[in-house]
Amino acid sequence: MGQGFNNFAAILKVVSSVLEVQMMILRTTAFIGLVGGLAVERYLSIIKPKIDELAKKCAELGEDAIKSAADWERANKTG
């Protein structure tokens, strides 16, 4: 389960990177004159911090789950 959270965090980090590239492209097209691109870029700029936060939380949950499982196994071995 912990590894699953770590995988999900990695996926969210990739999504965040892709959003960053898309936002840069949309800013460039807005500068050239496609105003609709600016609206989409602003929308993505609102979503991106939430995705970054979700990736961070998933990474923390993954680490916590792995540590908890290791502690539980160690406790079972000691009796």
PDB file of N, CA and C in Angstrom:
ATOM      1  N   MET A   1       0.827  -1.187   0.000  1.00  0.00           N
ATOM      2  CA  MET A   1       0.000   0.000   0.000  1.00  0.00           C
ATOM      3  C   MET A   1       0.871   1.251   0.000  1.00  0.00           C
ATOM      4  N   GLY A   2       1.931   1.229   0.786  1.00  0.00           N
ATOM      5  CA  GLY A   2       2.835   2.373   0.820  1.00  0.00           C
ATOM      6  C   GLY A   2       3.476   2.619  -0.530  1.00  0.00           C
ATOM      7  N   GLN A   3       3.872   1.529  -1.195  1.00  0.00           N
ATOM      8  CA  GLN A   3       4.480   1.669  -2.522  1.00  0.00           C
ATOM      9  C   GLN A   3       3.465   2.223  -3.518  1.00  0.00           C
ATOM     10  N   GLY A   4       2.197   1.856  -3.347  1.00  0.00           N
ATOM     11  CA  GLY A   4       1.143   2.396  -4.213  1.00  0.00           C
ATOM     12  C   GLY A   4       1.022   3.900  -4.081  1.00  0.00           C
ATOM     13  N   PHE A   5       1.077   4.388  -2.848  1.00  0.00           N
ATOM     14  CA  PHE A   5       1.034   5.827  -2.635  1.00  0.00           C
ATOM     15  C   PHE A   5       2.259   6.513  -3.240  1.00  0.00           C
ATOM     16  N   ASN A   6       3.415   5.877  -3.106  1.00  0.00           N
ATOM     17  CA  ASN A   6       4.624   6.454  -3.700  1.00  0.00           C
ATOM     18  C   ASN A   6       4.523   6.509  -5.222  1.00  0.00           C
ATOM     19  N   ASN A   7       3.956   5.460  -5.822  1.00  0.00           N
ATOM     20  CA  ASN A   7       3.759   5.455  -7.271  1.00  0.00           C
ATOM     21  C   ASN A   7       2.795   6.556  -7.692  1.00  0.00           C
ATOM     22  N   PHE A   8       1.718   6.711  -6.932  1.00  0.00           N
ATOM     23  CA  PHE A   8       0.738   7.749  -7.246  1.00  0.00           C
ATOM     24  C   PHE A   8       1.361   9.132  -7.125  1.00  0.00           C
ATOM     25  N   ALA A   9       2.205   9.316  -6.121  1.00  0.00           N
ATOM     26  CA  ALA A   9       2.891  10.604  -5.954  1.00  0.00           C
ATOM     27  C   ALA A   9       3.796  10.884  -7.151  1.00  0.00           C
ATOM     28  N   ALA A  10       4.482   9.861  -7.637  1.00  0.00           N
ATOM     29  CA  ALA A  10       5.349  10.040  -8.807  1.00  0.00           C
ATOM     30  C   ALA A  10       4.533  10.406 -10.037  1.00  0.00           C
ATOM     31  N   ILE A  11       3.386   9.774 -10.201  1.00  0.00           N
ATOM     32  CA  ILE A  11       2.508  10.087 -11.336  1.00  0.00           C
ATOM     33  C   ILE A  11       2.021  11.527 -11.243  1.00  0.00           C
ATOM     34  N   LEU A  12       1.634  11.952 -10.057  1.00  0.00           N
ATOM     35  CA  LEU A  12       1.161  13.327  -9.887  1.00  0.00           C
ATOM     36  C   LEU A  12       2.266  14.339 -10.158  1.00  0.00           C
ATOM     37  N   LYS A  13       3.503  13.995  -9.824  1.00  0.00           N
ATOM     38  CA  LYS A  13       4.619  14.895 -10.124  1.00  0.00           C
ATOM     39  C   LYS A  13       4.814  15.031 -11.632  1.00  0.00           C
ATOM     40  N   VAL A  14       4.637  13.931 -12.360  1.00  0.00           N
ATOM     41  CA  VAL A  14       4.731  13.984 -13.822  1.00  0.00           C
ATOM     42  C   VAL A  14       3.606  14.833 -14.385  1.00  0.00           C
ATOM     43  N   VAL A  15       2.397  14.654 -13.863  1.00  0.00           N
ATOM     44  CA  VAL A  15       1.254  15.461 -14.305  1.00  0.00           C
ATOM     45  C   VAL A  15       1.538  16.938 -14.060  1.00  0.00           C
ATOM     46  N   SER A  16       2.102  17.250 -12.923  1.00  0.00           N
ATOM     47  CA  SER A  16       2.437  18.632 -12.601  1.00  0.00           C
ATOM     48  C   SER A  16       3.443  19.204 -13.592  1.00  0.00           C
ATOM     49  N   SER A  17       4.432  18.403 -13.957  1.00  0.00           N
ATOM     50  CA  SER A  17       5.433  18.851 -14.932  1.00  0.00           C
ATOM     51  C   SER A  17       4.804  19.101 -16.298  1.00  0.00           C
ATOM     52  N   VAL A  18       3.914  18.213 -16.700  1.00  0.00           N
ATOM     53  CA  VAL A  18       3.225  18.380 -17.979  1.00  0.00           C
ATOM     54  C   VAL A  18       2.364  19.636 -17.956  1.00  0.00           C
ATOM     55  N   LEU A  19       1.681  19.868 -16.846  1.00  0.00           N
ATOM     56  CA  LEU A  19       0.875  21.081 -16.724  1.00  0.00           C
ATOM     57  C   LEU A  19       1.736  22.332 -16.827  1.00  0.00           C
ATOM     58  N   GLU A  20       2.921  22.286 -16.244  1.00  0.00           N
ATOM     59  CA  GLU A  20       3.831  23.430 -16.306  1.00  0.00           C
ATOM     60  C   GLU A  20       4.202  23.737 -17.759  1.00  0.00           C
ATOM     61  N   VAL A  21       4.497  22.698 -18.541  1.00  0.00           N
ATOM     62  CA  VAL A  21       4.833  22.889 -19.953  1.00  0.00           C
ATOM     63  C   VAL A  21       3.629  23.450 -20.712  1.00  0.00           C
ATOM     64  N   GLN A  22       2.460  22.882 -20.448  1.00  0.00           N
ATOM     65  CA  GLN A  22       1.249  23.358 -21.119  1.00  0.00           C
ATOM     66  C   GLN A  22       0.960  24.818 -20.781  1.00  0.00           C
ATOM     67  N   MET A  23       1.178  25.187 -19.532  1.00  0.00           N
ATOM     68  CA  MET A  23       0.952  26.572 -19.119  1.00  0.00           C
ATOM     69  C   MET A  23       1.914  27.505 -19.846  1.00  0.00           C
ATOM     70  N   MET A  24       3.152  27.072 -20.027  1.00  0.00           N
ATOM     71  CA  MET A  24       4.133  27.895 -20.730  1.00  0.00           C
ATOM     72  C   MET A  24       3.718  28.082 -22.189  1.00  0.00           C
ATOM     73  N   ILE A  25       3.259  27.013 -22.812  1.00  0.00           N
ATOM     74  CA  ILE A  25       2.794  27.099 -24.202  1.00  0.00           C
ATOM     75  C   ILE A  25       1.602  28.042 -24.303  1.00  0.00           C
ATOM     76  N   LEU A  26       0.666  27.914 -23.366  1.00  0.00           N
ATOM     77  CA  LEU A  26      -0.524  28.764 -23.402  1.00  0.00           C
ATOM     78  C   LEU A  26      -0.170  30.226 -23.156  1.00  0.00           C
ATOM     79  N   ARG A  27       0.802  30.494 -22.289  1.00  0.00           N
ATOM     80  CA  ARG A  27       1.243  31.877 -22.080  1.00  0.00           C
ATOM     81  C   ARG A  27       1.826  32.458 -23.363  1.00  0.00           C
ATOM     82  N   THR A  28       2.597  31.634 -24.065  1.00  0.00           N
ATOM     83  CA  THR A  28       3.214  32.080 -25.313  1.00  0.00           C
ATOM     84  C   THR A  28       2.149  32.376 -26.371  1.00  0.00           C
ATOM     85  N   THR A  29       1.172  31.479 -26.511  1.00  0.00           N
ATOM     86  CA  THR A  29       0.118  31.721 -27.506  1.00  0.00           C
ATOM     87  C   THR A  29      -0.734  32.916 -27.117  1.00  0.00           C
ATOM     88  N   ALA A  30      -0.923  33.141 -25.821  1.00  0.00           N
ATOM     89  CA  ALA A  30      -1.691  34.311 -25.386  1.00  0.00           C
ATOM     90  C   ALA A  30      -0.932  35.587 -25.744  1.00  0.00           C
ATOM     91  N   PHE A  31       0.382  35.543 -25.637  1.00  0.00           N
ATOM     92  CA  PHE A  31       1.193  36.699 -25.994  1.00  0.00           C
ATOM     93  C   PHE A  31       1.072  36.992 -27.492  1.00  0.00           C
ATOM     94  N   ILE A  32       0.993  35.938 -28.295  1.00  0.00           N
ATOM     95  CA  ILE A  32       0.874  36.099 -29.736  1.00  0.00           C
ATOM     96  C   ILE A  32      -0.512  36.613 -30.113  1.00  0.00           C
ATOM     97  N   GLY A  33      -1.523  36.304 -29.334  1.00  0.00           N
ATOM     98  CA  GLY A  33      -2.835  36.848 -29.634  1.00  0.00           C
ATOM     99  C   GLY A  33      -4.011  35.920 -29.433  1.00  0.00           C
ATOM    100  N   LEU A  34      -3.798  34.707 -29.002  1.00  0.00           N
ATOM    101  CA  LEU A  34      -4.914  33.802 -28.768  1.00  0.00           C
ATOM    102  C   LEU A  34      -5.357  33.934 -27.317  1.00  0.00           C
ATOM    103  N   VAL A  35      -6.345  34.787 -27.089  1.00  0.00           N
ATOM    104  CA  VAL A  35      -6.764  35.137 -25.735  1.00  0.00           C
ATOM    105  C   VAL A  35      -7.381  33.948 -25.008  1.00  0.00           C
ATOM    106  N   GLY A  36      -8.006  33.042 -25.725  1.00  0.00           N
ATOM    107  CA  GLY A  36      -8.594  31.857 -25.097  1.00  0.00           C
ATOM    108  C   GLY A  36      -7.537  31.021 -24.395  1.00  0.00           C
ATOM    109  N   GLY A  37      -6.331  31.009 -24.948  1.00  0.00           N
ATOM    110  CA  GLY A  37      -5.232  30.273 -24.324  1.00  0.00           C
ATOM    111  C   GLY A  37      -4.883  30.832 -22.963  1.00  0.00           C
ATOM    112  N   LEU A  38      -5.001  32.139 -22.811  1.00  0.00           N
ATOM    113  CA  LEU A  38      -4.710  32.766 -21.522  1.00  0.00           C
ATOM    114  C   LEU A  38      -5.705  32.312 -20.459  1.00  0.00           C
ATOM    115  N   ALA A  39      -6.965  32.188 -20.849  1.00  0.00           N
ATOM    116  CA  ALA A  39      -7.987  31.727 -19.900  1.00  0.00           C
ATOM    117  C   ALA A  39      -7.696  30.299 -19.448  1.00  0.00           C
ATOM    118  N   VAL A  40      -7.314  29.448 -20.388  1.00  0.00           N
ATOM    119  CA  VAL A  40      -6.991  28.065 -20.044  1.00  0.00           C
ATOM    120  C   VAL A  40      -5.746  28.018 -19.164  1.00  0.00           C
ATOM    121  N   GLU A  41      -4.751  28.849 -19.478  1.00  0.00           N
ATOM    122  CA  GLU A  41      -3.534  28.892 -18.671  1.00  0.00           C
ATOM    123  C   GLU A  41      -3.833  29.302 -17.244  1.00  0.00           C
ATOM    124  N   ARG A  42      -4.684  30.273 -17.080  1.00  0.00           N
ATOM    125  CA  ARG A  42      -5.041  30.706 -15.712  1.00  0.00           C
ATOM    126  C   ARG A  42      -5.764  29.606 -14.956  1.00  0.00           C
ATOM    127  N   TYR A  43      -6.622  28.877 -15.653  1.00  0.00           N
ATOM    128  CA  TYR A  43      -7.314  27.759 -15.030  1.00  0.00           C
ATOM    129  C   TYR A  43      -6.309  26.696 -14.584  1.00  0.00           C
ATOM    130  N   LEU A  44      -5.356  26.367 -15.463  1.00  0.00           N
ATOM    131  CA  LEU A  44      -4.332  25.375 -15.112  1.00  0.00           C
ATOM    132  C   LEU A  44      -3.448  25.865 -13.974  1.00  0.00           C
ATOM    133  N   SER A  45      -3.199  27.163 -13.925  1.00  0.00           N
ATOM    134  CA  SER A  45      -2.367  27.688 -12.842  1.00  0.00           C
ATOM    135  C   SER A  45      -3.069  27.599 -11.494  1.00  0.00           C
ATOM    136  N   ILE A  46      -4.376  27.496 -11.506  1.00  0.00           N
ATOM    137  CA  ILE A  46      -5.134  27.282 -10.263  1.00  0.00           C
ATOM    138  C   ILE A  46      -5.065  25.808  -9.855  1.00  0.00           C
ATOM    139  N   ILE A  47      -5.114  24.918 -10.833  1.00  0.00           N
ATOM    140  CA  ILE A  47      -5.128  23.478 -10.566  1.00  0.00           C
ATOM    141  C   ILE A  47      -3.749  22.963 -10.151  1.00  0.00           C
ATOM    142  N   LYS A  48      -2.689  23.465 -10.771  1.00  0.00           N
ATOM    143  CA  LYS A  48      -1.340  22.939 -10.555  1.00  0.00           C
ATOM    144  C   LYS A  48      -0.914  22.914  -9.090  1.00  0.00           C
ATOM    145  N   PRO A  49      -1.113  23.983  -8.303  1.00  0.00           N
ATOM    146  CA  PRO A  49      -0.706  23.898  -6.892  1.00  0.00           C
ATOM    147  C   PRO A  49      -1.446  22.798  -6.119  1.00  0.00           C
ATOM    148  N   LYS A  50      -2.688  22.548  -6.496  1.00  0.00           N
ATOM    149  CA  LYS A  50      -3.445  21.484  -5.829  1.00  0.00           C
ATOM    150  C   LYS A  50      -2.857  20.122  -6.161  1.00  0.00           C
ATOM    151  N   ILE A  51      -2.435  19.935  -7.409  1.00  0.00           N
ATOM    152  CA  ILE A  51      -1.819  18.676  -7.805  1.00  0.00           C
ATOM    153  C   ILE A  51      -0.472  18.503  -7.104  1.00  0.00           C
ATOM    154  N   ASP A  52       0.291  19.592  -7.006  1.00  0.00           N
ATOM    155  CA  ASP A  52       1.576  19.532  -6.291  1.00  0.00           C
ATOM    156  C   ASP A  52       1.368  19.130  -4.831  1.00  0.00           C
ATOM    157  N   GLU A  53       0.360  19.704  -4.199  1.00  0.00           N
ATOM    158  CA  GLU A  53       0.061  19.384  -2.796  1.00  0.00           C
ATOM    159  C   GLU A  53      -0.379  17.924  -2.651  1.00  0.00           C
ATOM    160  N   LEU A  54      -1.204  17.453  -3.597  1.00  0.00           N
ATOM    161  CA  LEU A  54      -1.645  16.062  -3.566  1.00  0.00           C
ATOM    162  C   LEU A  54      -0.462  15.111  -3.717  1.00  0.00           C
ATOM    163  N   ALA A  55       0.470  15.443  -4.613  1.00  0.00           N
ATOM    164  CA  ALA A  55       1.663  14.602  -4.798  1.00  0.00           C
ATOM    165  C   ALA A  55       2.474  14.545  -3.513  1.00  0.00           C
ATOM    166  N   LYS A  56       2.615  15.683  -2.854  1.00  0.00           N
ATOM    167  CA  LYS A  56       3.369  15.734  -1.601  1.00  0.00           C
ATOM    168  C   LYS A  56       2.697  14.878  -0.521  1.00  0.00           C
ATOM    169  N   LYS A  57       1.388  14.996  -0.408  1.00  0.00           N
ATOM    170  CA  LYS A  57       0.658  14.223   0.602  1.00  0.00           C
ATOM    171  C   LYS A  57       0.721  12.722   0.309  1.00  0.00           C
ATOM    172  N   CYS A  58       0.618  12.342  -0.969  1.00  0.00           N
ATOM    173  CA  CYS A  58       0.702  10.926  -1.320  1.00  0.00           C
ATOM    174  C   CYS A  58       2.079  10.361  -1.003  1.00  0.00           C
ATOM    175  N   ALA A  59       3.115  11.146  -1.255  1.00  0.00           N
ATOM    176  CA  ALA A  59       4.473  10.691  -0.926  1.00  0.00           C
ATOM    177  C   ALA A  59       4.609  10.497   0.581  1.00  0.00           C
ATOM    178  N   GLU A  60       4.066  11.422   1.359  1.00  0.00           N
ATOM    179  CA  GLU A  60       4.124  11.293   2.820  1.00  0.00           C
ATOM    180  C   GLU A  60       3.334  10.081   3.293  1.00  0.00           C
ATOM    181  N   LEU A  61       2.147   9.861   2.727  1.00  0.00           N
ATOM    182  CA  LEU A  61       1.345   8.699   3.103  1.00  0.00           C
ATOM    183  C   LEU A  61       2.063   7.402   2.757  1.00  0.00           C
ATOM    184  N   GLY A  62       2.707   7.379   1.602  1.00  0.00           N
ATOM    185  CA  GLY A  62       3.449   6.191   1.202  1.00  0.00           C
ATOM    186  C   GLY A  62       4.574   5.881   2.171  1.00  0.00           C
ATOM    187  N   GLU A  63       5.329   6.910   2.545  1.00  0.00           N
ATOM    188  CA  GLU A  63       6.426   6.707   3.499  1.00  0.00           C
ATOM    189  C   GLU A  63       5.895   6.252   4.853  1.00  0.00           C
ATOM    190  N   ASP A  64       4.808   6.871   5.299  1.00  0.00           N
ATOM    191  CA  ASP A  64       4.224   6.499   6.590  1.00  0.00           C
ATOM    192  C   ASP A  64       3.717   5.061   6.579  1.00  0.00           C
ATOM    193  N   ALA A  65       3.090   4.648   5.474  1.00  0.00           N
ATOM    194  CA  ALA A  65       2.566   3.283   5.385  1.00  0.00           C
ATOM    195  C   ALA A  65       3.708   2.268   5.395  1.00  0.00           C
ATOM    196  N   ILE A  66       4.781   2.573   4.698  1.00  0.00           N
ATOM    197  CA  ILE A  66       5.933   1.665   4.668  1.00  0.00           C
ATOM    198  C   ILE A  66       6.557   1.567   6.058  1.00  0.00           C
ATOM    199  N   LYS A  67       6.711   2.699   6.737  1.00  0.00           N
ATOM    200  CA  LYS A  67       7.283   2.692   8.088  1.00  0.00           C
ATOM    201  C   LYS A  67       6.379   1.948   9.065  1.00  0.00           C
ATOM    202  N   SER A  68       5.070   2.145   8.948  1.00  0.00           N
ATOM    203  CA  SER A  68       4.127   1.465   9.842  1.00  0.00           C
ATOM    204  C   SER A  68       4.177  -0.046   9.646  1.00  0.00           C
ATOM    205  N   ALA A  69       4.249  -0.478   8.394  1.00  0.00           N
ATOM    206  CA  ALA A  69       4.319  -1.909   8.123  1.00  0.00           C
ATOM    207  C   ALA A  69       5.613  -2.498   8.687  1.00  0.00           C
ATOM    208  N   ALA A  70       6.714  -1.782   8.548  1.00  0.00           N
ATOM    209  CA  ALA A  70       7.991  -2.261   9.096  1.00  0.00           C
ATOM    210  C   ALA A  70       7.934  -2.323  10.619  1.00  0.00           C
ATOM    211  N   ASP A  71       7.349  -1.313  11.257  1.00  0.00           N
ATOM    212  CA  ASP A  71       7.210  -1.314  12.714  1.00  0.00           C
ATOM    213  C   ASP A  71       6.321  -2.460  13.181  1.00  0.00           C
ATOM    214  N   TRP A  72       5.251  -2.728  12.460  1.00  0.00           N
ATOM    215  CA  TRP A  72       4.328  -3.801  12.822  1.00  0.00           C
ATOM    216  C   TRP A  72       5.037  -5.148  12.721  1.00  0.00           C
ATOM    217  N   GLU A  73       5.799  -5.358  11.641  1.00  0.00           N
ATOM    218  CA  GLU A  73       6.530  -6.612  11.470  1.00  0.00           C
ATOM    219  C   GLU A  73       7.575  -6.775  12.581  1.00  0.00           C
ATOM    220  N   ARG A  74       8.269  -5.692  12.910  1.00  0.00           N
ATOM    221  CA  ARG A  74       9.280  -5.751  13.964  1.00  0.00           C
ATOM    222  C   ARG A  74       8.629  -6.076  15.314  1.00  0.00           C
ATOM    223  N   ALA A  75       7.468  -5.499  15.577  1.00  0.00           N
ATOM    224  CA  ALA A  75       6.772  -5.759  16.828  1.00  0.00           C
ATOM    225  C   ALA A  75       6.305  -7.218  16.909  1.00  0.00           C
ATOM    226  N   ASN A  76       5.856  -7.749  15.795  1.00  0.00           N
ATOM    227  CA  ASN A  76       5.419  -9.159  15.771  1.00  0.00           C
ATOM    228  C   ASN A  76       6.592 -10.106  16.003  1.00  0.00           C
ATOM    229  N   LYS A  77       7.768  -9.769  15.498  1.00  0.00           N
ATOM    230  CA  LYS A  77       8.931 -10.637  15.675  1.00  0.00           C
ATOM    231  C   LYS A  77       9.426 -10.629  17.115  1.00  0.00           C
ATOM    232  N   THR A  78       9.306  -9.463  17.787  1.00  0.00           N
ATOM    233  CA  THR A  78       9.795  -9.368  19.166  1.00  0.00           C
ATOM    234  C   THR A  78       8.801  -9.959  20.152  1.00  0.00           C
ATOM    235  N   GLY A  79       7.580 -10.100  19.717  1.00  0.00           N
ATOM    236  CA  GLY A  79       6.604 -10.765  20.588  1.00  0.00           C
ATOM    237  C   GLY A  79       5.820  -9.809  21.355  1.00  0.00           C
TER     238      GLY A  79
END
